[in-house]
């Protein structure tokens, strides 16, 4: 058992989609599939896109790959990592998720590659 943690779920969002919004939505849904199991273990799941997409809309939007998009998407996840206690890295090619893992490890945060590896929270 461990203290409650905020856990960033990292994996492909844009990668491998050809910027197709339907495929990106499917990737987001896959990231979200991990949210409830993390919650059920007593932790708070977080996905960078949950924060970044409303921020991007608030900034007036921006097409995928545009300067506003690039200025918001990955930097939001990196800022979240300053508040997160660990990272769940889902399978699949993703430069952004790989960078999240690198940052987490630099900060000494645990990185898990399977939901089963995440310990149950106390309380």
PDB file of N, CA and C in Angstrom:
ATOM      1  N   UNK A   1       0.836  -1.182   0.000  1.00  0.00           N
ATOM      2  CA  UNK A   1       0.000   0.000   0.000  1.00  0.00           C
ATOM      3  C   UNK A   1       0.884   1.249   0.000  1.00  0.00           C
ATOM      4  N   UNK A   2       0.370   2.295  -0.582  1.00  0.00           N
ATOM      5  CA  UNK A   2       1.128   3.532  -0.703  1.00  0.00           C
ATOM      6  C   UNK A   2       0.189   4.728  -0.544  1.00  0.00           C
ATOM      7  N   UNK A   3       0.743   5.897  -0.375  1.00  0.00           N
ATOM      8  CA  UNK A   3      -0.057   7.119  -0.316  1.00  0.00           C
ATOM      9  C   UNK A   3      -0.771   7.335  -1.646  1.00  0.00           C
ATOM     10  N   UNK A   4      -1.860   8.069  -1.605  1.00  0.00           N
ATOM     11  CA  UNK A   4      -2.558   8.418  -2.842  1.00  0.00           C
ATOM     12  C   UNK A   4      -1.622   9.219  -3.742  1.00  0.00           C
ATOM     13  N   UNK A   5      -1.717   8.966  -5.036  1.00  0.00           N
ATOM     14  CA  UNK A   5      -0.862   9.642  -6.003  1.00  0.00           C
ATOM     15  C   UNK A   5      -1.699  10.200  -7.148  1.00  0.00           C
ATOM     16  N   UNK A   6      -1.175  11.238  -7.780  1.00  0.00           N
ATOM     17  CA  UNK A   6      -1.701  11.683  -9.062  1.00  0.00           C
ATOM     18  C   UNK A   6      -0.799  11.032 -10.111  1.00  0.00           C
ATOM     19  N   UNK A   7      -1.406  10.275 -11.016  1.00  0.00           N
ATOM     20  CA  UNK A   7      -0.648   9.492 -11.986  1.00  0.00           C
ATOM     21  C   UNK A   7      -0.985   9.963 -13.392  1.00  0.00           C
ATOM     22  N   UNK A   8       0.051  10.413 -14.100  1.00  0.00           N
ATOM     23  CA  UNK A   8      -0.108  10.837 -15.488  1.00  0.00           C
ATOM     24  C   UNK A   8      -0.151   9.595 -16.375  1.00  0.00           C
ATOM     25  N   UNK A   9      -1.164   9.512 -17.208  1.00  0.00           N
ATOM     26  CA  UNK A   9      -1.278   8.427 -18.184  1.00  0.00           C
ATOM     27  C   UNK A   9      -0.690   8.944 -19.486  1.00  0.00           C
ATOM     28  N   UNK A  10       0.385   8.314 -19.934  1.00  0.00           N
ATOM     29  CA  UNK A  10       1.103   8.758 -21.129  1.00  0.00           C
ATOM     30  C   UNK A  10       1.064   7.659 -22.184  1.00  0.00           C
ATOM     31  N   UNK A  11       0.803   8.066 -23.405  1.00  0.00           N
ATOM     32  CA  UNK A  11       0.775   7.119 -24.519  1.00  0.00           C
ATOM     33  C   UNK A  11       0.460   7.872 -25.789  1.00  0.00           C
ATOM     34  N   UNK A  12       0.297   7.149 -26.869  1.00  0.00           N
ATOM     35  CA  UNK A  12       0.015   7.813 -28.146  1.00  0.00           C
ATOM     36  C   UNK A  12      -1.288   8.601 -28.119  1.00  0.00           C
ATOM     37  N   UNK A  13      -1.217   9.825 -28.574  1.00  0.00           N
ATOM     38  CA  UNK A  13      -2.405  10.646 -28.826  1.00  0.00           C
ATOM     39  C   UNK A  13      -2.398  11.036 -30.300  1.00  0.00           C
ATOM     40  N   UNK A  14      -1.438  11.803 -30.696  1.00  0.00           N
ATOM     41  CA  UNK A  14      -1.320  12.236 -32.094  1.00  0.00           C
ATOM     42  C   UNK A  14      -0.524  11.234 -32.934  1.00  0.00           C
ATOM     43  N   UNK A  15       0.443  10.596 -32.311  1.00  0.00           N
ATOM     44  CA  UNK A  15       1.355   9.705 -33.022  1.00  0.00           C
ATOM     45  C   UNK A  15       0.611   8.624 -33.801  1.00  0.00           C
ATOM     46  N   UNK A  16       1.045   8.436 -35.026  1.00  0.00           N
ATOM     47  CA  UNK A  16       0.500   7.367 -35.860  1.00  0.00           C
ATOM     48  C   UNK A  16      -0.887   7.626 -36.407  1.00  0.00           C
ATOM     49  N   UNK A  17      -1.404   8.848 -36.244  1.00  0.00           N
ATOM     50  CA  UNK A  17      -2.768   9.128 -36.690  1.00  0.00           C
ATOM     51  C   UNK A  17      -2.825   9.856 -38.027  1.00  0.00           C
ATOM     52  N   UNK A  18      -1.694  10.395 -38.488  1.00  0.00           N
ATOM     53  CA  UNK A  18      -1.739  11.261 -39.666  1.00  0.00           C
ATOM     54  C   UNK A  18      -2.586  12.499 -39.400  1.00  0.00           C
ATOM     55  N   UNK A  19      -2.703  12.862 -38.122  1.00  0.00           N
ATOM     56  CA  UNK A  19      -3.505  14.005 -37.664  1.00  0.00           C
ATOM     57  C   UNK A  19      -4.992  13.862 -37.964  1.00  0.00           C
ATOM     58  N   UNK A  20      -5.443  12.628 -38.153  1.00  0.00           N
ATOM     59  CA  UNK A  20      -6.858  12.332 -38.356  1.00  0.00           C
ATOM     60  C   UNK A  20      -7.584  12.470 -37.012  1.00  0.00           C
ATOM     61  N   UNK A  21      -8.547  13.402 -36.904  1.00  0.00           N
ATOM     62  CA  UNK A  21      -9.210  13.618 -35.612  1.00  0.00           C
ATOM     63  C   UNK A  21      -9.937  12.386 -35.078  1.00  0.00           C
ATOM     64  N   UNK A  22     -10.440  11.534 -35.945  1.00  0.00           N
ATOM     65  CA  UNK A  22     -11.126  10.319 -35.490  1.00  0.00           C
ATOM     66  C   UNK A  22     -10.125   9.372 -34.833  1.00  0.00           C
ATOM     67  N   UNK A  23      -8.960   9.238 -35.435  1.00  0.00           N
ATOM     68  CA  UNK A  23      -7.924   8.362 -34.872  1.00  0.00           C
ATOM     69  C   UNK A  23      -7.341   8.961 -33.588  1.00  0.00           C
ATOM     70  N   UNK A  24      -7.233  10.288 -33.545  1.00  0.00           N
ATOM     71  CA  UNK A  24      -6.759  10.928 -32.320  1.00  0.00           C
ATOM     72  C   UNK A  24      -7.766  10.727 -31.194  1.00  0.00           C
ATOM     73  N   UNK A  25      -9.046  10.822 -31.500  1.00  0.00           N
ATOM     74  CA  UNK A  25     -10.088  10.582 -30.496  1.00  0.00           C
ATOM     75  C   UNK A  25     -10.035   9.139 -30.002  1.00  0.00           C
ATOM     76  N   UNK A  26      -9.759   8.209 -30.900  1.00  0.00           N
ATOM     77  CA  UNK A  26      -9.633   6.803 -30.499  1.00  0.00           C
ATOM     78  C   UNK A  26      -8.432   6.624 -29.565  1.00  0.00           C
ATOM     79  N   UNK A  27      -7.348   7.320 -29.855  1.00  0.00           N
ATOM     80  CA  UNK A  27      -6.182   7.245 -28.964  1.00  0.00           C
ATOM     81  C   UNK A  27      -6.495   7.832 -27.596  1.00  0.00           C
ATOM     82  N   UNK A  28      -7.232   8.944 -27.568  1.00  0.00           N
ATOM     83  CA  UNK A  28      -7.612   9.531 -26.289  1.00  0.00           C
ATOM     84  C   UNK A  28      -8.505   8.566 -25.502  1.00  0.00           C
ATOM     85  N   UNK A  29      -9.419   7.913 -26.191  1.00  0.00           N
ATOM     86  CA  UNK A  29     -10.289   6.934 -25.532  1.00  0.00           C
ATOM     87  C   UNK A  29      -9.457   5.800 -24.929  1.00  0.00           C
ATOM     88  N   UNK A  30      -8.407   5.386 -25.617  1.00  0.00           N
ATOM     89  CA  UNK A  30      -7.529   4.330 -25.105  1.00  0.00           C
ATOM     90  C   UNK A  30      -6.805   4.808 -23.847  1.00  0.00           C
ATOM     91  N   UNK A  31      -6.335   6.061 -23.858  1.00  0.00           N
ATOM     92  CA  UNK A  31      -5.716   6.615 -22.656  1.00  0.00           C
ATOM     93  C   UNK A  31      -6.728   6.635 -21.510  1.00  0.00           C
ATOM     94  N   UNK A  32      -7.952   7.037 -21.815  1.00  0.00           N
ATOM     95  CA  UNK A  32      -8.990   7.142 -20.794  1.00  0.00           C
ATOM     96  C   UNK A  32      -9.400   5.790 -20.220  1.00  0.00           C
ATOM     97  N   UNK A  33      -9.212   4.721 -20.976  1.00  0.00           N
ATOM     98  CA  UNK A  33      -9.538   3.382 -20.466  1.00  0.00           C
ATOM     99  C   UNK A  33      -8.729   3.050 -19.211  1.00  0.00           C
ATOM    100  N   UNK A  34      -7.562   3.656 -19.081  1.00  0.00           N
ATOM    101  CA  UNK A  34      -6.719   3.391 -17.914  1.00  0.00           C
ATOM    102  C   UNK A  34      -7.117   4.243 -16.712  1.00  0.00           C
ATOM    103  N   UNK A  35      -7.962   5.237 -16.907  1.00  0.00           N
ATOM    104  CA  UNK A  35      -8.278   6.182 -15.832  1.00  0.00           C
ATOM    105  C   UNK A  35      -9.031   5.518 -14.677  1.00  0.00           C
ATOM    106  N   UNK A  36     -10.101   4.795 -14.966  1.00  0.00           N
ATOM    107  CA  UNK A  36     -10.876   4.227 -13.864  1.00  0.00           C
ATOM    108  C   UNK A  36     -10.076   3.186 -13.083  1.00  0.00           C
ATOM    109  N   UNK A  37      -9.334   2.284 -13.720  1.00  0.00           N
ATOM    110  CA  UNK A  37      -8.538   1.346 -12.918  1.00  0.00           C
ATOM    111  C   UNK A  37      -7.554   2.044 -11.969  1.00  0.00           C
ATOM    112  N   UNK A  38      -6.988   3.172 -12.386  1.00  0.00           N
ATOM    113  CA  UNK A  38      -6.100   3.929 -11.502  1.00  0.00           C
ATOM    114  C   UNK A  38      -6.913   4.522 -10.348  1.00  0.00           C
ATOM    115  N   UNK A  39      -8.068   5.074 -10.662  1.00  0.00           N
ATOM    116  CA  UNK A  39      -8.957   5.629  -9.643  1.00  0.00           C
ATOM    117  C   UNK A  39      -9.386   4.541  -8.652  1.00  0.00           C
ATOM    118  N   UNK A  40      -9.713   3.363  -9.186  1.00  0.00           N
ATOM    119  CA  UNK A  40     -10.155   2.249  -8.341  1.00  0.00           C
ATOM    120  C   UNK A  40      -9.052   1.795  -7.382  1.00  0.00           C
ATOM    121  N   UNK A  41      -7.802   2.048  -7.718  1.00  0.00           N
ATOM    122  CA  UNK A  41      -6.687   1.716  -6.827  1.00  0.00           C
ATOM    123  C   UNK A  41      -6.473   2.806  -5.774  1.00  0.00           C
ATOM    124  N   UNK A  42      -7.292   3.860  -5.817  1.00  0.00           N
ATOM    125  CA  UNK A  42      -7.234   4.904  -4.811  1.00  0.00           C
ATOM    126  C   UNK A  42      -6.449   6.140  -5.218  1.00  0.00           C
ATOM    127  N   UNK A  43      -6.067   6.236  -6.494  1.00  0.00           N
ATOM    128  CA  UNK A  43      -5.255   7.348  -6.972  1.00  0.00           C
ATOM    129  C   UNK A  43      -6.080   8.276  -7.865  1.00  0.00           C
ATOM    130  N   UNK A  44      -5.466   9.378  -8.286  1.00  0.00           N
ATOM    131  CA  UNK A  44      -6.102  10.316  -9.197  1.00  0.00           C
ATOM    132  C   UNK A  44      -5.419  10.190 -10.559  1.00  0.00           C
ATOM    133  N   UNK A  45      -6.158   9.744 -11.568  1.00  0.00           N
ATOM    134  CA  UNK A  45      -5.569   9.667 -12.903  1.00  0.00           C
ATOM    135  C   UNK A  45      -5.566  11.042 -13.567  1.00  0.00           C
ATOM    136  N   UNK A  46      -4.579  11.277 -14.404  1.00  0.00           N
ATOM    137  CA  UNK A  46      -4.495  12.534 -15.153  1.00  0.00           C
ATOM    138  C   UNK A  46      -3.981  12.210 -16.552  1.00  0.00           C
ATOM    139  N   UNK A  47      -4.577  12.875 -17.523  1.00  0.00           N
ATOM    140  CA  UNK A  47      -4.134  12.773 -18.923  1.00  0.00           C
ATOM    141  C   UNK A  47      -3.854  14.190 -19.384  1.00  0.00           C
ATOM    142  N   UNK A  48      -2.695  14.407 -19.971  1.00  0.00           N
ATOM    143  CA  UNK A  48      -2.306  15.746 -20.393  1.00  0.00           C
ATOM    144  C   UNK A  48      -3.322  16.415 -21.287  1.00  0.00           C
ATOM    145  N   UNK A  49      -3.933  15.650 -22.175  1.00  0.00           N
ATOM    146  CA  UNK A  49      -4.913  16.219 -23.104  1.00  0.00           C
ATOM    147  C   UNK A  49      -6.155  16.729 -22.385  1.00  0.00           C
ATOM    148  N   UNK A  50      -6.481  16.150 -21.222  1.00  0.00           N
ATOM    149  CA  UNK A  50      -7.625  16.646 -20.460  1.00  0.00           C
ATOM    150  C   UNK A  50      -7.425  18.100 -20.075  1.00  0.00           C
ATOM    151  N   UNK A  51      -6.211  18.476 -19.793  1.00  0.00           N
ATOM    152  CA  UNK A  51      -5.906  19.862 -19.444  1.00  0.00           C
ATOM    153  C   UNK A  51      -5.571  20.684 -20.680  1.00  0.00           C
ATOM    154  N   UNK A  52      -4.806  20.115 -21.589  1.00  0.00           N
ATOM    155  CA  UNK A  52      -4.281  20.875 -22.726  1.00  0.00           C
ATOM    156  C   UNK A  52      -5.362  21.285 -23.730  1.00  0.00           C
ATOM    157  N   UNK A  53      -6.305  20.423 -24.015  1.00  0.00           N
ATOM    158  CA  UNK A  53      -7.306  20.756 -25.041  1.00  0.00           C
ATOM    159  C   UNK A  53      -8.157  21.965 -24.650  1.00  0.00           C
ATOM    160  N   UNK A  54      -8.656  22.073 -23.406  1.00  0.00           N
ATOM    161  CA  UNK A  54      -9.383  23.296 -23.039  1.00  0.00           C
ATOM    162  C   UNK A  54      -8.487  24.538 -23.034  1.00  0.00           C
ATOM    163  N   UNK A  55      -7.231  24.366 -22.645  1.00  0.00           N
ATOM    164  CA  UNK A  55      -6.302  25.497 -22.689  1.00  0.00           C
ATOM    165  C   UNK A  55      -6.134  25.971 -24.122  1.00  0.00           C
ATOM    166  N   UNK A  56      -5.971  25.032 -25.043  1.00  0.00           N
ATOM    167  CA  UNK A  56      -5.814  25.369 -26.464  1.00  0.00           C
ATOM    168  C   UNK A  56      -7.060  26.096 -26.973  1.00  0.00           C
ATOM    169  N   UNK A  57      -8.254  25.610 -26.601  1.00  0.00           N
ATOM    170  CA  UNK A  57      -9.481  26.295 -27.007  1.00  0.00           C
ATOM    171  C   UNK A  57      -9.524  27.699 -26.438  1.00  0.00           C
ATOM    172  N   UNK A  58      -9.114  27.855 -25.186  1.00  0.00           N
ATOM    173  CA  UNK A  58      -9.102  29.161 -24.553  1.00  0.00           C
ATOM    174  C   UNK A  58      -8.123  30.124 -25.201  1.00  0.00           C
ATOM    175  N   UNK A  59      -7.098  29.570 -25.839  1.00  0.00           N
ATOM    176  CA  UNK A  59      -6.107  30.393 -26.538  1.00  0.00           C
ATOM    177  C   UNK A  59      -6.545  30.707 -27.961  1.00  0.00           C
ATOM    178  N   UNK A  60      -7.758  30.320 -28.304  1.00  0.00           N
ATOM    179  CA  UNK A  60      -8.253  30.582 -29.651  1.00  0.00           C
ATOM    180  C   UNK A  60      -8.113  29.405 -30.588  1.00  0.00           C
ATOM    181  N   UNK A  61      -7.653  28.286 -30.073  1.00  0.00           N
ATOM    182  CA  UNK A  61      -7.531  27.086 -30.890  1.00  0.00           C
ATOM    183  C   UNK A  61      -6.260  27.084 -31.706  1.00  0.00           C
ATOM    184  N   UNK A  62      -6.195  26.098 -32.532  1.00  0.00           N
ATOM    185  CA  UNK A  62      -5.033  25.931 -33.386  1.00  0.00           C
ATOM    186  C   UNK A  62      -5.066  24.551 -33.988  1.00  0.00           C
ATOM    187  N   UNK A  63      -4.815  24.480 -35.264  1.00  0.00           N
ATOM    188  CA  UNK A  63      -4.809  23.193 -35.951  1.00  0.00           C
ATOM    189  C   UNK A  63      -3.694  22.316 -35.391  1.00  0.00           C
ATOM    190  N   UNK A  64      -3.900  21.019 -35.483  1.00  0.00           N
ATOM    191  CA  UNK A  64      -2.887  20.067 -35.043  1.00  0.00           C
ATOM    192  C   UNK A  64      -1.572  20.391 -35.744  1.00  0.00           C
ATOM    193  N   UNK A  65      -0.526  20.536 -34.952  1.00  0.00           N
ATOM    194  CA  UNK A  65       0.787  20.838 -35.512  1.00  0.00           C
ATOM    195  C   UNK A  65       1.072  22.317 -35.723  1.00  0.00           C
ATOM    196  N   UNK A  66       0.081  23.177 -35.478  1.00  0.00           N
ATOM    197  CA  UNK A  66       0.282  24.616 -35.631  1.00  0.00           C
ATOM    198  C   UNK A  66       1.117  25.136 -34.458  1.00  0.00           C
ATOM    199  N   UNK A  67       1.682  26.328 -34.592  1.00  0.00           N
ATOM    200  CA  UNK A  67       2.444  26.885 -33.464  1.00  0.00           C
ATOM    201  C   UNK A  67       1.642  26.966 -32.153  1.00  0.00           C
ATOM    202  N   UNK A  68       0.365  27.424 -32.167  1.00  0.00           N
ATOM    203  CA  UNK A  68      -0.370  27.430 -30.892  1.00  0.00           C
ATOM    204  C   UNK A  68      -0.551  26.020 -30.318  1.00  0.00           C
ATOM    205  N   UNK A  69      -0.830  25.057 -31.167  1.00  0.00           N
ATOM    206  CA  UNK A  69      -0.992  23.667 -30.732  1.00  0.00           C
ATOM    207  C   UNK A  69       0.295  23.182 -30.062  1.00  0.00           C
ATOM    208  N   UNK A  70       1.405  23.383 -30.744  1.00  0.00           N
ATOM    209  CA  UNK A  70       2.686  22.929 -30.213  1.00  0.00           C
ATOM    210  C   UNK A  70       3.080  23.667 -28.946  1.00  0.00           C
ATOM    211  N   UNK A  71       2.650  24.914 -28.810  1.00  0.00           N
ATOM    212  CA  UNK A  71       2.980  25.704 -27.624  1.00  0.00           C
ATOM    213  C   UNK A  71       2.185  25.267 -26.396  1.00  0.00           C
ATOM    214  N   UNK A  72       1.097  24.518 -26.603  1.00  0.00           N
ATOM    215  CA  UNK A  72       0.228  24.131 -25.490  1.00  0.00           C
ATOM    216  C   UNK A  72       0.305  22.639 -25.165  1.00  0.00           C
ATOM    217  N   UNK A  73       0.255  21.778 -26.151  1.00  0.00           N
ATOM    218  CA  UNK A  73       0.027  20.350 -25.893  1.00  0.00           C
ATOM    219  C   UNK A  73       1.106  19.699 -25.024  1.00  0.00           C
ATOM    220  N   UNK A  74       2.306  19.553 -25.496  1.00  0.00           N
ATOM    221  CA  UNK A  74       3.352  18.901 -24.700  1.00  0.00           C
ATOM    222  C   UNK A  74       3.753  19.715 -23.478  1.00  0.00           C
ATOM    223  N   UNK A  75       3.854  21.044 -23.606  1.00  0.00           N
ATOM    224  CA  UNK A  75       4.203  21.811 -22.403  1.00  0.00           C
ATOM    225  C   UNK A  75       3.202  21.623 -21.253  1.00  0.00           C
ATOM    226  N   UNK A  76       1.933  21.415 -21.572  1.00  0.00           N
ATOM    227  CA  UNK A  76       0.955  21.189 -20.507  1.00  0.00           C
ATOM    228  C   UNK A  76       1.270  19.907 -19.754  1.00  0.00           C
ATOM    229  N   UNK A  77       1.563  18.839 -20.479  1.00  0.00           N
ATOM    230  CA  UNK A  77       1.916  17.572 -19.814  1.00  0.00           C
ATOM    231  C   UNK A  77       3.178  17.740 -18.976  1.00  0.00           C
ATOM    232  N   UNK A  78       4.128  18.501 -19.481  1.00  0.00           N
ATOM    233  CA  UNK A  78       5.370  18.691 -18.728  1.00  0.00           C
ATOM    234  C   UNK A  78       5.112  19.475 -17.444  1.00  0.00           C
ATOM    235  N   UNK A  79       4.213  20.453 -17.488  1.00  0.00           N
ATOM    236  CA  UNK A  79       3.857  21.185 -16.272  1.00  0.00           C
ATOM    237  C   UNK A  79       3.107  20.286 -15.295  1.00  0.00           C
ATOM    238  N   UNK A  80       2.244  19.430 -15.834  1.00  0.00           N
ATOM    239  CA  UNK A  80       1.522  18.487 -14.973  1.00  0.00           C
ATOM    240  C   UNK A  80       2.494  17.556 -14.252  1.00  0.00           C
ATOM    241  N   UNK A  81       3.557  17.179 -14.934  1.00  0.00           N
ATOM    242  CA  UNK A  81       4.525  16.275 -14.319  1.00  0.00           C
ATOM    243  C   UNK A  81       5.155  16.865 -13.063  1.00  0.00           C
ATOM    244  N   UNK A  82       5.161  18.188 -12.960  1.00  0.00           N
ATOM    245  CA  UNK A  82       5.678  18.829 -11.754  1.00  0.00           C
ATOM    246  C   UNK A  82       4.772  18.559 -10.560  1.00  0.00           C
ATOM    247  N   UNK A  83       3.524  18.179 -10.816  1.00  0.00           N
ATOM    248  CA  UNK A  83       2.551  17.923  -9.767  1.00  0.00           C
ATOM    249  C   UNK A  83       2.197  16.443  -9.628  1.00  0.00           C
ATOM    250  N   UNK A  84       2.584  15.632 -10.605  1.00  0.00           N
ATOM    251  CA  UNK A  84       2.251  14.213 -10.591  1.00  0.00           C
ATOM    252  C   UNK A  84       3.264  13.426  -9.768  1.00  0.00           C
ATOM    253  N   UNK A  85       2.821  12.260  -9.311  1.00  0.00           N
ATOM    254  CA  UNK A  85       3.638  11.402  -8.470  1.00  0.00           C
ATOM    255  C   UNK A  85       4.142  10.166  -9.203  1.00  0.00           C
ATOM    256  N   UNK A  86       3.736   9.998 -10.453  1.00  0.00           N
ATOM    257  CA  UNK A  86       4.161   8.849 -11.231  1.00  0.00           C
ATOM    258  C   UNK A  86       3.536   8.902 -12.608  1.00  0.00           C
ATOM    259  N   UNK A  87       4.001   8.010 -13.477  1.00  0.00           N
ATOM    260  CA  UNK A  87       3.538   7.943 -14.859  1.00  0.00           C
ATOM    261  C   UNK A  87       3.225   6.504 -15.223  1.00  0.00           C
ATOM    262  N   UNK A  88       2.061   6.308 -15.835  1.00  0.00           N
ATOM    263  CA  UNK A  88       1.738   5.039 -16.475  1.00  0.00           C
ATOM    264  C   UNK A  88       1.985   5.232 -17.960  1.00  0.00           C
ATOM    265  N   UNK A  89       2.938   4.505 -18.513  1.00  0.00           N
ATOM    266  CA  UNK A  89       3.272   4.614 -19.944  1.00  0.00           C
ATOM    267  C   UNK A  89       2.588   3.464 -20.669  1.00  0.00           C
ATOM    268  N   UNK A  90       1.584   3.811 -21.473  1.00  0.00           N
ATOM    269  CA  UNK A  90       0.895   2.811 -22.282  1.00  0.00           C
ATOM    270  C   UNK A  90       1.721   2.499 -23.521  1.00  0.00           C
ATOM    271  N   UNK A  91       1.526   1.323 -24.061  1.00  0.00           N
ATOM    272  CA  UNK A  91       2.274   0.872 -25.232  1.00  0.00           C
ATOM    273  C   UNK A  91       1.931   1.707 -26.461  1.00  0.00           C
ATOM    274  N   UNK A  92       2.882   1.794 -27.360  1.00  0.00           N
ATOM    275  CA  UNK A  92       2.692   2.479 -28.624  1.00  0.00           C
ATOM    276  C   UNK A  92       3.709   3.580 -28.812  1.00  0.00           C
ATOM    277  N   UNK A  93       4.089   3.786 -30.061  1.00  0.00           N
ATOM    278  CA  UNK A  93       5.060   4.827 -30.379  1.00  0.00           C
ATOM    279  C   UNK A  93       4.491   6.197 -30.063  1.00  0.00           C
ATOM    280  N   UNK A  94       5.247   6.982 -29.315  1.00  0.00           N
ATOM    281  CA  UNK A  94       4.844   8.341 -28.981  1.00  0.00           C
ATOM    282  C   UNK A  94       6.054   9.082 -28.449  1.00  0.00           C
ATOM    283  N   UNK A  95       6.542  10.029 -29.235  1.00  0.00           N
ATOM    284  CA  UNK A  95       7.677  10.835 -28.791  1.00  0.00           C
ATOM    285  C   UNK A  95       7.307  11.638 -27.552  1.00  0.00           C
ATOM    286  N   UNK A  96       6.083  12.162 -27.497  1.00  0.00           N
ATOM    287  CA  UNK A  96       5.648  12.940 -26.345  1.00  0.00           C
ATOM    288  C   UNK A  96       5.598  12.095 -25.080  1.00  0.00           C
ATOM    289  N   UNK A  97       5.054  10.885 -25.177  1.00  0.00           N
ATOM    290  CA  UNK A  97       4.987  10.000 -24.010  1.00  0.00           C
ATOM    291  C   UNK A  97       6.386   9.568 -23.589  1.00  0.00           C
ATOM    292  N   UNK A  98       7.266   9.336 -24.562  1.00  0.00           N
ATOM    293  CA  UNK A  98       8.650   8.995 -24.223  1.00  0.00           C
ATOM    294  C   UNK A  98       9.318  10.150 -23.483  1.00  0.00           C
ATOM    295  N   UNK A  99       9.014  11.371 -23.887  1.00  0.00           N
ATOM    296  CA  UNK A  99       9.576  12.538 -23.202  1.00  0.00           C
ATOM    297  C   UNK A  99       8.997  12.656 -21.792  1.00  0.00           C
ATOM    298  N   UNK A 100       7.708  12.338 -21.623  1.00  0.00           N
ATOM    299  CA  UNK A 100       7.109  12.337 -20.285  1.00  0.00           C
ATOM    300  C   UNK A 100       7.846  11.355 -19.372  1.00  0.00           C
ATOM    301  N   UNK A 101       8.151  10.179 -19.899  1.00  0.00           N
ATOM    302  CA  UNK A 101       8.873   9.162 -19.129  1.00  0.00           C
ATOM    303  C   UNK A 101      10.268   9.677 -18.762  1.00  0.00           C
ATOM    304  N   UNK A 102      10.946  10.296 -19.719  1.00  0.00           N
ATOM    305  CA  UNK A 102      12.288  10.824 -19.457  1.00  0.00           C
ATOM    306  C   UNK A 102      12.237  11.866 -18.339  1.00  0.00           C
ATOM    307  N   UNK A 103      11.279  12.795 -18.424  1.00  0.00           N
ATOM    308  CA  UNK A 103      11.139  13.832 -17.405  1.00  0.00           C
ATOM    309  C   UNK A 103      10.806  13.213 -16.050  1.00  0.00           C
ATOM    310  N   UNK A 104       9.896  12.250 -16.035  1.00  0.00           N
ATOM    311  CA  UNK A 104       9.526  11.588 -14.779  1.00  0.00           C
ATOM    312  C   UNK A 104      10.744  10.929 -14.142  1.00  0.00           C
ATOM    313  N   UNK A 105      11.513  10.235 -14.946  1.00  0.00           N
ATOM    314  CA  UNK A 105      12.700   9.566 -14.397  1.00  0.00           C
ATOM    315  C   UNK A 105      13.729  10.567 -13.898  1.00  0.00           C
ATOM    316  N   UNK A 106      13.895  11.681 -14.608  1.00  0.00           N
ATOM    317  CA  UNK A 106      14.814  12.733 -14.141  1.00  0.00           C
ATOM    318  C   UNK A 106      14.383  13.275 -12.780  1.00  0.00           C
ATOM    319  N   UNK A 107      13.080  13.298 -12.547  1.00  0.00           N
ATOM    320  CA  UNK A 107      12.546  13.801 -11.279  1.00  0.00           C
ATOM    321  C   UNK A 107      12.451  12.713 -10.211  1.00  0.00           C
ATOM    322  N   UNK A 108      12.847  11.497 -10.567  1.00  0.00           N
ATOM    323  CA  UNK A 108      12.811  10.398  -9.617  1.00  0.00           C
ATOM    324  C   UNK A 108      11.433   9.820  -9.391  1.00  0.00           C
ATOM    325  N   UNK A 109      10.514  10.067 -10.324  1.00  0.00           N
ATOM    326  CA  UNK A 109       9.150   9.546 -10.203  1.00  0.00           C
ATOM    327  C   UNK A 109       9.092   8.118 -10.725  1.00  0.00           C
ATOM    328  N   UNK A 110       8.229   7.288 -10.154  1.00  0.00           N
ATOM    329  CA  UNK A 110       8.073   5.939 -10.687  1.00  0.00           C
ATOM    330  C   UNK A 110       7.376   5.974 -12.045  1.00  0.00           C
ATOM    331  N   UNK A 111       7.758   5.039 -12.885  1.00  0.00           N
ATOM    332  CA  UNK A 111       7.137   4.854 -14.201  1.00  0.00           C
ATOM    333  C   UNK A 111       6.695   3.394 -14.277  1.00  0.00           C
ATOM    334  N   UNK A 112       5.426   3.207 -14.591  1.00  0.00           N
ATOM    335  CA  UNK A 112       4.878   1.861 -14.726  1.00  0.00           C
ATOM    336  C   UNK A 112       4.488   1.636 -16.176  1.00  0.00           C
ATOM    337  N   UNK A 113       4.546   0.390 -16.603  1.00  0.00           N
ATOM    338  CA  UNK A 113       4.195   0.037 -17.967  1.00  0.00           C
ATOM    339  C   UNK A 113       2.987  -0.894 -18.016  1.00  0.00           C
ATOM    340  N   UNK A 114       2.416  -1.156 -16.858  1.00  0.00           N
ATOM    341  CA  UNK A 114       1.241  -2.022 -16.755  1.00  0.00           C
ATOM    342  C   UNK A 114       0.436  -1.568 -15.542  1.00  0.00           C
ATOM    343  N   UNK A 115      -0.872  -1.514 -15.680  1.00  0.00           N
ATOM    344  CA  UNK A 115      -1.730  -1.112 -14.558  1.00  0.00           C
ATOM    345  C   UNK A 115      -1.491  -1.957 -13.327  1.00  0.00           C
ATOM    346  N   UNK A 116      -1.203  -3.247 -13.537  1.00  0.00           N
ATOM    347  CA  UNK A 116      -1.005  -4.153 -12.412  1.00  0.00           C
ATOM    348  C   UNK A 116       0.204  -3.763 -11.570  1.00  0.00           C
ATOM    349  N   UNK A 117       1.133  -3.009 -12.121  1.00  0.00           N
ATOM    350  CA  UNK A 117       2.329  -2.591 -11.383  1.00  0.00           C
ATOM    351  C   UNK A 117       2.042  -1.469 -10.386  1.00  0.00           C
ATOM    352  N   UNK A 118       0.953  -0.743 -10.592  1.00  0.00           N
ATOM    353  CA  UNK A 118       0.635   0.408  -9.733  1.00  0.00           C
ATOM    354  C   UNK A 118       0.093  -0.108  -8.400  1.00  0.00           C
ATOM    355  N   UNK A 119       0.713   0.306  -7.291  1.00  0.00           N
ATOM    356  CA  UNK A 119       0.252  -0.195  -5.987  1.00  0.00           C
ATOM    357  C   UNK A 119      -1.086   0.419  -5.589  1.00  0.00           C
ATOM    358  N   UNK A 120      -1.794  -0.291  -4.739  1.00  0.00           N
ATOM    359  CA  UNK A 120      -3.027   0.210  -4.139  1.00  0.00           C
ATOM    360  C   UNK A 120      -2.682   1.350  -3.191  1.00  0.00           C
ATOM    361  N   UNK A 121      -3.571   2.328  -3.081  1.00  0.00           N
ATOM    362  CA  UNK A 121      -3.367   3.439  -2.149  1.00  0.00           C
ATOM    363  C   UNK A 121      -3.915   3.079  -0.784  1.00  0.00           C
ATOM    364  N   UNK A 122      -3.306   3.662   0.237  1.00  0.00           N
ATOM    365  CA  UNK A 122      -3.817   3.488   1.592  1.00  0.00           C
ATOM    366  C   UNK A 122      -4.977   4.455   1.805  1.00  0.00           C
ATOM    367  N   UNK A 123      -5.801   4.134   2.747  1.00  0.00           N
ATOM    368  CA  UNK A 123      -6.907   5.040   3.101  1.00  0.00           C
ATOM    369  C   UNK A 123      -7.963   4.989   2.094  1.00  0.00           C
TER     370      UNK A 123
END
